Structures are given as C-alpha cells and as structure tokens.
PDB file of N, CA and C in Angstrom:
ATOM      1  N   MET A   1     129.256 108.280 138.433  1.00  0.00           N
ATOM      2  CA  MET A   1     128.141 108.063 137.507  1.00  0.00           C
ATOM      3  C   MET A   1     128.643 108.262 136.063  1.00  0.00           C
ATOM      4  N   ASN A   2     128.376 107.279 135.206  1.00  0.00           N
ATOM      5  CA  ASN A   2     128.843 107.367 133.821  1.00  0.00           C
ATOM      6  C   ASN A   2     127.972 108.274 133.004  1.00  0.00           C
ATOM      7  N   LYS A   3     128.599 109.120 132.198  1.00  0.00           N
ATOM      8  CA  LYS A   3     127.861 109.960 131.256  1.00  0.00           C
ATOM      9  C   LYS A   3     127.962 109.358 129.866  1.00  0.00           C
ATOM     10  N   ARG A   4     126.862 109.371 129.152  1.00  0.00           N
ATOM     11  CA  ARG A   4     126.851 108.908 127.773  1.00  0.00           C
ATOM     12  C   ARG A   4     127.554 109.907 126.899  1.00  0.00           C
ATOM     13  N   LYS A   5     128.448 109.397 126.005  1.00  0.00           N
ATOM     14  CA  LYS A   5     129.193 110.286 125.118  1.00  0.00           C
ATOM     15  C   LYS A   5     128.256 110.836 124.027  1.00  0.00           C
ATOM     16  N   ARG A   6     127.318 109.989 123.578  1.00  0.00           N
ATOM     17  CA  ARG A   6     126.384 110.442 122.532  1.00  0.00           C
ATOM     18  C   ARG A   6     125.017 110.520 123.094  1.00  0.00           C
ATOM     19  N   PRO A   7     124.258 111.584 122.778  1.00  0.00           N
ATOM     20  CA  PRO A   7     122.935 111.701 123.319  1.00  0.00           C
ATOM     21  C   PRO A   7     121.952 110.696 122.647  1.00  0.00           C
ATOM     22  N   ILE A   8     120.911 110.332 123.368  1.00  0.00           N
ATOM     23  CA  ILE A   8     119.922 109.429 122.815  1.00  0.00           C
ATOM     24  C   ILE A   8     119.050 110.241 121.873  1.00  0.00           C
ATOM     25  N   THR A   9     118.984 109.793 120.618  1.00  0.00           N
ATOM     26  CA  THR A   9     118.168 110.496 119.633  1.00  0.00           C
ATOM     27  C   THR A   9     117.004 109.608 119.252  1.00  0.00           C
ATOM     28  N   ALA A  10     116.049 110.191 118.503  1.00  0.00           N
ATOM     29  CA  ALA A  10     114.935 109.440 118.002  1.00  0.00           C
ATOM     30  C   ALA A  10     115.377 108.354 117.073  1.00  0.00           C
ATOM     31  N   GLY A  11     116.364 108.619 116.229  1.00  0.00           N
ATOM     32  CA  GLY A  11     116.883 107.604 115.304  1.00  0.00           C
ATOM     33  C   GLY A  11     117.510 106.462 116.068  1.00  0.00           C
ATOM     34  N   HIS A  12     118.195 106.752 117.144  1.00  0.00           N
ATOM     35  CA  HIS A  12     118.834 105.682 117.929  1.00  0.00           C
ATOM     36  C   HIS A  12     117.718 104.798 118.569  1.00  0.00           C
ATOM     37  N   VAL A  13     116.692 105.386 119.054  1.00  0.00           N
ATOM     38  CA  VAL A  13     115.590 104.640 119.690  1.00  0.00           C
ATOM     39  C   VAL A  13     114.899 103.772 118.624  1.00  0.00           C
ATOM     40  N   ILE A  14     114.656 104.321 117.447  1.00  0.00           N
ATOM     41  CA  ILE A  14     113.991 103.582 116.363  1.00  0.00           C
ATOM     42  C   ILE A  14     114.881 102.410 115.950  1.00  0.00           C
ATOM     43  N   PHE A  15     116.198 102.641 115.829  1.00  0.00           N
ATOM     44  CA  PHE A  15     117.116 101.579 115.493  1.00  0.00           C
ATOM     45  C   PHE A  15     117.067 100.442 116.516  1.00  0.00           C
ATOM     46  N   GLU A  16     117.067 100.788 117.763  1.00  0.00           N
ATOM     47  CA  GLU A  16     117.061  99.781 118.836  1.00  0.00           C
ATOM     48  C   GLU A  16     115.780  98.976 118.788  1.00  0.00           C
ATOM     49  N   VAL A  17     114.662  99.636 118.552  1.00  0.00           N
ATOM     50  CA  VAL A  17     113.373  98.940 118.490  1.00  0.00           C
ATOM     51  C   VAL A  17     113.367  97.965 117.318  1.00  0.00           C
ATOM     52  N   PHE A  18     113.781  98.434 116.144  1.00  0.00           N
ATOM     53  CA  PHE A  18     113.824  97.546 114.980  1.00  0.00           C
ATOM     54  C   PHE A  18     114.808  96.414 115.171  1.00  0.00           C
ATOM     55  N   PHE A  19     115.912  96.682 115.811  1.00  0.00           N
ATOM     56  CA  PHE A  19     116.916  95.657 116.080  1.00  0.00           C
ATOM     57  C   PHE A  19     116.316  94.575 116.960  1.00  0.00           C
ATOM     58  N   ILE A  20     115.593  94.944 117.993  1.00  0.00           N
ATOM     59  CA  ILE A  20     114.962  93.977 118.872  1.00  0.00           C
ATOM     60  C   ILE A  20     113.875  93.208 118.137  1.00  0.00           C
ATOM     61  N   LEU A  21     113.076  93.921 117.323  1.00  0.00           N
ATOM     62  CA  LEU A  21     111.964  93.274 116.637  1.00  0.00           C
ATOM     63  C   LEU A  21     112.451  92.340 115.505  1.00  0.00           C
ATOM     64  N   SER A  22     113.675  92.503 115.055  1.00  0.00           N
ATOM     65  CA  SER A  22     114.190  91.687 113.939  1.00  0.00           C
ATOM     66  C   SER A  22     114.507  90.272 114.381  1.00  0.00           C
ATOM     67  N   TYR A  23     114.700  90.039 115.665  1.00  0.00           N
ATOM     68  CA  TYR A  23     115.099  88.701 116.097  1.00  0.00           C
ATOM     69  C   TYR A  23     114.127  87.624 115.706  1.00  0.00           C
ATOM     70  N   PRO A  24     112.804  87.754 115.863  1.00  0.00           N
ATOM     71  CA  PRO A  24     111.900  86.696 115.416  1.00  0.00           C
ATOM     72  C   PRO A  24     111.978  86.434 113.949  1.00  0.00           C
ATOM     73  N   PHE A  25     112.178  87.458 113.127  1.00  0.00           N
ATOM     74  CA  PHE A  25     112.303  87.286 111.665  1.00  0.00           C
ATOM     75  C   PHE A  25     113.591  86.543 111.328  1.00  0.00           C
ATOM     76  N   ILE A  26     114.683  86.856 112.033  1.00  0.00           N
ATOM     77  CA  ILE A  26     115.903  86.137 111.806  1.00  0.00           C
ATOM     78  C   ILE A  26     115.744  84.655 112.178  1.00  0.00           C
ATOM     79  N   ALA A  27     115.078  84.404 113.299  1.00  0.00           N
ATOM     80  CA  ALA A  27     114.845  83.023 113.746  1.00  0.00           C
ATOM     81  C   ALA A  27     113.976  82.280 112.755  1.00  0.00           C
ATOM     82  N   ALA A  28     112.912  82.930 112.276  1.00  0.00           N
ATOM     83  CA  ALA A  28     112.063  82.271 111.281  1.00  0.00           C
ATOM     84  C   ALA A  28     112.775  81.980 109.989  1.00  0.00           C
ATOM     85  N   PHE A  29     113.620  82.918 109.554  1.00  0.00           N
ATOM     86  CA  PHE A  29     114.421  82.686 108.350  1.00  0.00           C
ATOM     87  C   PHE A  29     115.380  81.516 108.548  1.00  0.00           C
ATOM     88  N   SER A  30     116.001  81.450 109.691  1.00  0.00           N
ATOM     89  CA  SER A  30     116.915  80.339 109.953  1.00  0.00           C
ATOM     90  C   SER A  30     116.214  79.003 109.958  1.00  0.00           C
ATOM     91  N   VAL A  31     115.012  78.974 110.531  1.00  0.00           N
ATOM     92  CA  VAL A  31     114.252  77.700 110.544  1.00  0.00           C
ATOM     93  C   VAL A  31     113.843  77.328 109.111  1.00  0.00           C
ATOM     94  N   ALA A  32     113.398  78.341 108.329  1.00  0.00           N
ATOM     95  CA  ALA A  32     112.968  78.055 106.960  1.00  0.00           C
ATOM     96  C   ALA A  32     114.135  77.539 106.130  1.00  0.00           C
ATOM     97  N   VAL A  33     115.325  78.102 106.267  1.00  0.00           N
ATOM     98  CA  VAL A  33     116.476  77.646 105.520  1.00  0.00           C
ATOM     99  C   VAL A  33     116.846  76.239 105.950  1.00  0.00           C
ATOM    100  N   THR A  34     116.816  75.972 107.243  1.00  0.00           N
ATOM    101  CA  THR A  34     117.165  74.645 107.762  1.00  0.00           C
ATOM    102  C   THR A  34     116.197  73.601 107.186  1.00  0.00           C
ATOM    103  N   VAL A  35     114.921  73.916 107.190  1.00  0.00           N
ATOM    104  CA  VAL A  35     113.918  72.969 106.691  1.00  0.00           C
ATOM    105  C   VAL A  35     114.121  72.711 105.190  1.00  0.00           C
ATOM    106  N   LEU A  36     114.363  73.811 104.421  1.00  0.00           N
ATOM    107  CA  LEU A  36     114.581  73.664 103.014  1.00  0.00           C
ATOM    108  C   LEU A  36     115.817  72.816 102.701  1.00  0.00           C
ATOM    109  N   VAL A  37     116.894  73.053 103.437  1.00  0.00           N
ATOM    110  CA  VAL A  37     118.090  72.269 103.210  1.00  0.00           C
ATOM    111  C   VAL A  37     117.812  70.817 103.558  1.00  0.00           C
ATOM    112  N   TRP A  38     117.086  70.542 104.621  1.00  0.00           N
ATOM    113  CA  TRP A  38     116.771  69.186 104.982  1.00  0.00           C
ATOM    114  C   TRP A  38     115.933  68.515 103.908  1.00  0.00           C
ATOM    115  N   ILE A  39     114.909  69.230 103.374  1.00  0.00           N
ATOM    116  CA  ILE A  39     114.051  68.663 102.331  1.00  0.00           C
ATOM    117  C   ILE A  39     114.842  68.392 101.066  1.00  0.00           C
ATOM    118  N   PHE A  40     115.675  69.336 100.658  1.00  0.00           N
ATOM    119  CA  PHE A  40     116.393  69.134  99.392  1.00  0.00           C
ATOM    120  C   PHE A  40     117.549  68.109  99.531  1.00  0.00           C
ATOM    121  N   SER A  41     118.005  67.876 100.744  1.00  0.00           N
ATOM    122  CA  SER A  41     119.049  66.858 100.915  1.00  0.00           C
ATOM    123  C   SER A  41     118.460  65.443 101.140  1.00  0.00           C
ATOM    124  N   LEU A  42     117.169  65.368 101.328  1.00  0.00           N
ATOM    125  CA  LEU A  42     116.524  64.062 101.558  1.00  0.00           C
ATOM    126  C   LEU A  42     116.755  63.076 100.407  1.00  0.00           C
ATOM    127  N   PRO A  43     116.539  63.485  99.134  1.00  0.00           N
ATOM    128  CA  PRO A  43     116.796  62.487  98.077  1.00  0.00           C
ATOM    129  C   PRO A  43     118.212  61.938  98.060  1.00  0.00           C
ATOM    130  N   SER A  44     119.191  62.787  98.287  1.00  0.00           N
ATOM    131  CA  SER A  44     120.575  62.295  98.275  1.00  0.00           C
ATOM    132  C   SER A  44     120.822  61.374  99.482  1.00  0.00           C
ATOM    133  N   ARG A  45     120.179  61.656 100.590  1.00  0.00           N
ATOM    134  CA  ARG A  45     120.319  60.793 101.754  1.00  0.00           C
ATOM    135  C   ARG A  45     119.692  59.437 101.473  1.00  0.00           C
ATOM    136  N   LEU A  46     118.550  59.404 100.800  1.00  0.00           N
ATOM    137  CA  LEU A  46     117.900  58.145 100.439  1.00  0.00           C
ATOM    138  C   LEU A  46     118.735  57.344  99.462  1.00  0.00           C
ATOM    139  N   ILE A  47     119.315  58.062  98.474  1.00  0.00           N
ATOM    140  CA  ILE A  47     120.153  57.346  97.514  1.00  0.00           C
ATOM    141  C   ILE A  47     121.386  56.746  98.222  1.00  0.00           C
ATOM    142  N   ALA A  48     121.968  57.509  99.146  1.00  0.00           N
ATOM    143  CA  ALA A  48     123.122  57.004  99.879  1.00  0.00           C
ATOM    144  C   ALA A  48     122.734  55.817 100.760  1.00  0.00           C
ATOM    145  N   LEU A  49     121.529  55.892 101.345  1.00  0.00           N
ATOM    146  CA  LEU A  49     121.083  54.799 102.192  1.00  0.00           C
ATOM    147  C   LEU A  49     120.901  53.505 101.389  1.00  0.00           C
ATOM    148  N   PHE A  50     120.268  53.580 100.241  1.00  0.00           N
ATOM    149  CA  PHE A  50     120.006  52.391  99.447  1.00  0.00           C
ATOM    150  C   PHE A  50     121.242  51.913  98.677  1.00  0.00           C
ATOM    151  N   SER A  51     122.175  52.777  98.411  1.00  0.00           N
ATOM    152  CA  SER A  51     123.381  52.354  97.675  1.00  0.00           C
ATOM    153  C   SER A  51     124.382  51.627  98.642  1.00  0.00           C
ATOM    154  N   ARG A  52     124.215  51.831  99.918  1.00  0.00           N
ATOM    155  CA  ARG A  52     125.107  51.172 100.873  1.00  0.00           C
ATOM    156  C   ARG A  52     124.831  49.705 100.950  1.00  0.00           C
ATOM    157  N   LYS A  53     123.647  49.288 100.666  1.00  0.00           N
ATOM    158  CA  LYS A  53     123.269  47.861 100.814  1.00  0.00           C
ATOM    159  C   LYS A  53     123.737  47.025  99.651  1.00  0.00           C
TER     160      LYS A  53
END
C-alpha cells in the first residue's frame, strides 16, 4: 500500500477544487480568442479573396 509523502491539507484541497473549476473558464477564453482572431482576420481574407481574381 502506497503512503503519501505529503499530507492532504485544506490548501491542497482548495487548490485542487479551483484547478478543476478553472477548466470551463480556460475553454471559454480559448473560444473567445479563437472567435476574435477569426473576426479580425476576416477583412484580410476577403481582400486576399478578391485580389486573387
């Protein structure tokens, strides 16, 4: 049976809870950045599309 080298403390539990709860915020931030990059790159894509013809 493995023994933990460090005891489980209240700070460790709080850190684990916040770490797990942060995943949706990280995902939302990633989606927001992706959408913003897509929106801001749209004009250059349109310019490139029309300049090819």
